Amino acid sequence: MLNLLVFVCLLSVLNLGSCEVVKFTDCSAGKGQGELQQLEITPCPSQPCELKKGTEVSVKATFIPHENVTDAESSVHGKVMGFWVPFPLPNAHACKDSGVKCPLVAGSKYEYSSTLDIKSAYPAISVVVKWQLQDGKGQDLYCFEVSAKIVS
């Protein structure tokens, strides 16, 4: 019985760091050069995601490109008071250190991973986060939006 209790407690602790599959809005209006199949944000146990100042948020996007892609770039913006404000990424080049190796082959499944620093200087506000992955021609492979709150 004690072993079962220890096992259940261990599973509970391990589950605290698990990825959260989140609902998103396709902001490419179905015209993207790929399909975003699943989005995971950690931590985000409920939506809107609470992004704590001074922390790092992990994002994993599972997608399928509809065309062959030789290069890809990511960008992130937050809609603040009606304006799209850029959020810097530690690595905007999606084909390097993101789990994705270019060239991307049409019809193959890929998992793009990145992080976003939630800087302490950011104001505590509600924000719509828009994340785009674009090919070398500047066309969206995918674009998603999620609602979030920056919190202290």
C-alpha atoms as a PDB file:
ATOM      1  CA  MET A   1       0.000   0.000   0.000  1.00  0.00           C
ATOM      2  CA  LEU A   2       2.821   2.385   0.843  1.00  0.00           C
ATOM      3  CA  ASN A   3       4.434   1.704  -2.553  1.00  0.00           C
ATOM      4  CA  LEU A   4       1.165   2.618  -4.291  1.00  0.00           C
ATOM      5  CA  LEU A   5       0.931   5.872  -2.315  1.00  0.00           C
ATOM      6  CA  VAL A   6       4.536   6.805  -3.184  1.00  0.00           C
ATOM      7  CA  PHE A   7       3.872   5.983  -6.855  1.00  0.00           C
ATOM      8  CA  VAL A   8       0.728   8.177  -6.958  1.00  0.00           C
ATOM      9  CA  CYS A   9       2.563  11.050  -5.259  1.00  0.00           C
ATOM     10  CA  LEU A  10       5.442  10.759  -7.716  1.00  0.00           C
ATOM     11  CA  LEU A  11       3.045  10.847 -10.670  1.00  0.00           C
ATOM     12  CA  SER A  12       1.396  13.958  -9.244  1.00  0.00           C
ATOM     13  CA  VAL A  13       4.733  15.737  -8.889  1.00  0.00           C
ATOM     14  CA  LEU A  14       5.824  14.774 -12.401  1.00  0.00           C
ATOM     15  CA  ASN A  15       2.511  15.955 -13.834  1.00  0.00           C
ATOM     16  CA  LEU A  16       3.094  19.525 -12.543  1.00  0.00           C
ATOM     17  CA  GLY A  17       5.595  20.162 -15.329  1.00  0.00           C
ATOM     18  CA  SER A  18       3.578  18.566 -18.084  1.00  0.00           C
ATOM     19  CA  CYS A  19       2.681  20.325 -21.304  1.00  0.00           C
ATOM     20  CA  GLU A  20      -0.769  21.722 -21.739  1.00  0.00           C
ATOM     21  CA  VAL A  21      -2.590  21.363 -25.047  1.00  0.00           C
ATOM     22  CA  VAL A  22      -4.330  24.686 -25.594  1.00  0.00           C
ATOM     23  CA  LYS A  23      -7.102  25.950 -27.842  1.00  0.00           C
ATOM     24  CA  PHE A  24      -5.973  28.479 -30.415  1.00  0.00           C
ATOM     25  CA  THR A  25      -7.353  30.637 -33.208  1.00  0.00           C
ATOM     26  CA  ASP A  26      -5.939  30.144 -36.707  1.00  0.00           C
ATOM     27  CA  CYS A  27      -4.984  33.690 -37.712  1.00  0.00           C
ATOM     28  CA  SER A  28      -3.924  32.681 -41.221  1.00  0.00           C
ATOM     29  CA  ALA A  29      -7.653  32.318 -42.003  1.00  0.00           C
ATOM     30  CA  GLY A  30      -7.031  28.887 -43.527  1.00  0.00           C
ATOM     31  CA  LYS A  31      -4.679  30.418 -46.114  1.00  0.00           C
ATOM     32  CA  GLY A  32      -1.447  29.281 -44.480  1.00  0.00           C
ATOM     33  CA  GLN A  33       1.090  27.161 -46.348  1.00  0.00           C
ATOM     34  CA  GLY A  34       0.736  24.538 -43.616  1.00  0.00           C
ATOM     35  CA  GLU A  35      -1.593  23.209 -40.936  1.00  0.00           C
ATOM     36  CA  LEU A  36      -1.091  23.623 -37.205  1.00  0.00           C
ATOM     37  CA  GLN A  37      -2.393  20.400 -35.687  1.00  0.00           C
ATOM     38  CA  GLN A  38      -1.649  20.837 -31.984  1.00  0.00           C
ATOM     39  CA  LEU A  39      -0.318  23.549 -29.706  1.00  0.00           C
ATOM     40  CA  GLU A  40       1.211  22.988 -26.257  1.00  0.00           C
ATOM     41  CA  ILE A  41       2.151  25.814 -23.897  1.00  0.00           C
ATOM     42  CA  THR A  42       3.923  25.235 -20.587  1.00  0.00           C
ATOM     43  CA  PRO A  43       2.872  26.420 -18.106  1.00  0.00           C
ATOM     44  CA  CYS A  44      -0.754  26.996 -19.084  1.00  0.00           C
ATOM     45  CA  PRO A  45      -3.023  24.823 -16.937  1.00  0.00           C
ATOM     46  CA  SER A  46      -6.077  26.885 -17.952  1.00  0.00           C
ATOM     47  CA  GLN A  47      -6.982  29.524 -20.489  1.00  0.00           C
ATOM     48  CA  PRO A  48      -6.378  32.345 -20.806  1.00  0.00           C
ATOM     49  CA  CYS A  49      -2.753  31.409 -20.099  1.00  0.00           C
ATOM     50  CA  GLU A  50      -1.207  33.250 -17.169  1.00  0.00           C
ATOM     51  CA  LEU A  51       2.279  34.367 -18.154  1.00  0.00           C
ATOM     52  CA  LYS A  52       4.211  35.147 -14.994  1.00  0.00           C
ATOM     53  CA  LYS A  53       6.697  38.012 -15.161  1.00  0.00           C
ATOM     54  CA  GLY A  54      10.324  36.929 -14.889  1.00  0.00           C
ATOM     55  CA  THR A  55       9.646  33.416 -16.202  1.00  0.00           C
ATOM     56  CA  GLU A  56      10.004  31.555 -19.450  1.00  0.00           C
ATOM     57  CA  VAL A  57       7.128  29.974 -21.364  1.00  0.00           C
ATOM     58  CA  SER A  58       7.703  26.917 -23.573  1.00  0.00           C
ATOM     59  CA  VAL A  59       5.766  26.406 -26.793  1.00  0.00           C
ATOM     60  CA  LYS A  60       5.548  23.260 -28.908  1.00  0.00           C
ATOM     61  CA  ALA A  61       3.643  23.368 -32.185  1.00  0.00           C
ATOM     62  CA  THR A  62       2.926  20.238 -34.217  1.00  0.00           C
ATOM     63  CA  PHE A  63       2.381  21.134 -37.857  1.00  0.00           C
ATOM     64  CA  ILE A  64       2.413  19.823 -41.433  1.00  0.00           C
ATOM     65  CA  PRO A  65       3.651  22.049 -44.278  1.00  0.00           C
ATOM     66  CA  HIS A  66       1.632  21.922 -47.518  1.00  0.00           C
ATOM     67  CA  GLU A  67       4.704  22.773 -49.604  1.00  0.00           C
ATOM     68  CA  ASN A  68       8.442  22.129 -49.442  1.00  0.00           C
ATOM     69  CA  VAL A  69      10.170  24.834 -47.374  1.00  0.00           C
ATOM     70  CA  THR A  70      13.878  25.655 -47.442  1.00  0.00           C
ATOM     71  CA  ASP A  71      13.917  28.198 -44.599  1.00  0.00           C
ATOM     72  CA  ALA A  72      11.543  29.432 -41.880  1.00  0.00           C
ATOM     73  CA  GLU A  73      11.370  32.265 -39.345  1.00  0.00           C
ATOM     74  CA  SER A  74       9.216  32.761 -36.258  1.00  0.00           C
ATOM     75  CA  SER A  75       7.804  35.972 -34.900  1.00  0.00           C
ATOM     76  CA  VAL A  76       5.668  36.747 -31.862  1.00  0.00           C
ATOM     77  CA  HIS A  77       3.500  39.810 -31.256  1.00  0.00           C
ATOM     78  CA  GLY A  78       1.170  40.827 -28.477  1.00  0.00           C
ATOM     79  CA  LYS A  79      -1.919  42.946 -29.055  1.00  0.00           C
ATOM     80  CA  VAL A  80      -1.638  45.700 -26.468  1.00  0.00           C
ATOM     81  CA  MET A  81      -4.224  48.482 -26.419  1.00  0.00           C
ATOM     82  CA  GLY A  82      -5.145  47.694 -30.027  1.00  0.00           C
ATOM     83  CA  PHE A  83      -1.575  47.637 -31.370  1.00  0.00           C
ATOM     84  CA  TRP A  84       0.611  44.641 -32.275  1.00  0.00           C
ATOM     85  CA  VAL A  85       3.844  44.893 -30.267  1.00  0.00           C
ATOM     86  CA  PRO A  86       6.765  42.542 -31.067  1.00  0.00           C
ATOM     87  CA  PHE A  87       7.943  40.116 -28.372  1.00  0.00           C
ATOM     88  CA  PRO A  88      11.582  39.130 -28.958  1.00  0.00           C
ATOM     89  CA  LEU A  89      12.415  35.440 -29.346  1.00  0.00           C
ATOM     90  CA  PRO A  90      15.759  33.991 -28.258  1.00  0.00           C
ATOM     91  CA  ASN A  91      15.993  32.291 -31.678  1.00  0.00           C
ATOM     92  CA  ALA A  92      13.756  33.451 -34.519  1.00  0.00           C
ATOM     93  CA  HIS A  93      15.411  31.090 -37.027  1.00  0.00           C
ATOM     94  CA  ALA A  94      13.006  28.151 -36.933  1.00  0.00           C
ATOM     95  CA  CYS A  95      15.384  25.697 -38.625  1.00  0.00           C
ATOM     96  CA  LYS A  96      18.017  25.956 -35.900  1.00  0.00           C
ATOM     97  CA  ASP A  97      17.762  24.670 -32.317  1.00  0.00           C
ATOM     98  CA  SER A  98      13.960  24.300 -32.499  1.00  0.00           C
ATOM     99  CA  GLY A  99      13.556  20.587 -33.223  1.00  0.00           C
ATOM    100  CA  VAL A 100      12.928  21.387 -36.897  1.00  0.00           C
ATOM    101  CA  LYS A 101      15.518  20.759 -39.590  1.00  0.00           C
ATOM    102  CA  CYS A 102      15.164  22.426 -42.976  1.00  0.00           C
ATOM    103  CA  PRO A 103      14.338  21.734 -45.706  1.00  0.00           C
ATOM    104  CA  LEU A 104      10.789  20.835 -44.639  1.00  0.00           C
ATOM    105  CA  VAL A 105       9.030  18.286 -46.820  1.00  0.00           C
ATOM    106  CA  ALA A 106       5.389  18.852 -47.793  1.00  0.00           C
ATOM    107  CA  GLY A 107       3.060  16.425 -46.008  1.00  0.00           C
ATOM    108  CA  SER A 108       5.543  15.499 -43.246  1.00  0.00           C
ATOM    109  CA  LYS A 109       4.797  16.186 -39.565  1.00  0.00           C
ATOM    110  CA  TYR A 110       7.127  18.458 -37.570  1.00  0.00           C
ATOM    111  CA  GLU A 111       7.342  19.620 -33.951  1.00  0.00           C
ATOM    112  CA  TYR A 112       8.611  23.164 -33.544  1.00  0.00           C
ATOM    113  CA  SER A 113       9.739  24.126 -30.028  1.00  0.00           C
ATOM    114  CA  SER A 114      10.666  27.523 -28.677  1.00  0.00           C
ATOM    115  CA  THR A 115      10.609  29.634 -25.548  1.00  0.00           C
ATOM    116  CA  LEU A 116       9.372  33.117 -24.798  1.00  0.00           C
ATOM    117  CA  ASP A 117      10.811  35.215 -21.973  1.00  0.00           C
ATOM    118  CA  ILE A 118       8.153  37.060 -19.994  1.00  0.00           C
ATOM    119  CA  LYS A 119      10.213  40.026 -18.905  1.00  0.00           C
ATOM    120  CA  SER A 120       9.743  41.556 -15.454  1.00  0.00           C
ATOM    121  CA  ALA A 121       9.355  44.966 -17.112  1.00  0.00           C
ATOM    122  CA  TYR A 122       6.194  43.905 -18.974  1.00  0.00           C
ATOM    123  CA  PRO A 123       2.995  45.442 -17.591  1.00  0.00           C
ATOM    124  CA  ALA A 124       0.433  43.186 -15.922  1.00  0.00           C
ATOM    125  CA  ILE A 125      -2.258  43.168 -18.642  1.00  0.00           C
ATOM    126  CA  SER A 126      -4.445  40.911 -20.745  1.00  0.00           C
ATOM    127  CA  VAL A 127      -2.969  40.318 -24.177  1.00  0.00           C
ATOM    128  CA  VAL A 128      -3.650  38.366 -27.345  1.00  0.00           C
ATOM    129  CA  VAL A 129      -0.450  36.576 -28.393  1.00  0.00           C
ATOM    130  CA  LYS A 130       0.079  36.005 -32.119  1.00  0.00           C
ATOM    131  CA  TRP A 131       2.791  33.532 -33.145  1.00  0.00           C
ATOM    132  CA  GLN A 132       3.700  33.123 -36.809  1.00  0.00           C
ATOM    133  CA  LEU A 133       5.963  30.643 -38.548  1.00  0.00           C
ATOM    134  CA  GLN A 134       6.753  31.913 -42.034  1.00  0.00           C
ATOM    135  CA  ASP A 135       8.592  30.451 -44.994  1.00  0.00           C
ATOM    136  CA  GLY A 136      11.463  32.235 -46.763  1.00  0.00           C
ATOM    137  CA  LYS A 137       8.939  34.137 -48.907  1.00  0.00           C
ATOM    138  CA  GLY A 138       7.208  35.624 -45.858  1.00  0.00           C
ATOM    139  CA  GLN A 139       4.104  33.435 -46.197  1.00  0.00           C
ATOM    140  CA  ASP A 140       2.599  31.862 -43.091  1.00  0.00           C
ATOM    141  CA  LEU A 141       3.172  28.157 -42.609  1.00  0.00           C
ATOM    142  CA  TYR A 142       0.900  28.706 -39.642  1.00  0.00           C
ATOM    143  CA  CYS A 143      -0.301  31.545 -37.488  1.00  0.00           C
ATOM    144  CA  PHE A 144      -2.028  31.138 -34.147  1.00  0.00           C
ATOM    145  CA  GLU A 145      -3.474  33.453 -31.554  1.00  0.00           C
ATOM    146  CA  VAL A 146      -4.073  32.667 -27.879  1.00  0.00           C
ATOM    147  CA  SER A 147      -5.441  34.821 -25.095  1.00  0.00           C
ATOM    148  CA  ALA A 148      -3.123  35.400 -22.158  1.00  0.00           C
ATOM    149  CA  LYS A 149      -2.652  37.498 -19.038  1.00  0.00           C
ATOM    150  CA  ILE A 150       0.719  38.796 -17.935  1.00  0.00           C
ATOM    151  CA  VAL A 151       0.761  38.508 -14.145  1.00  0.00           C
ATOM    152  CA  SER A 152       3.160  39.412 -11.329  1.00  0.00           C
END
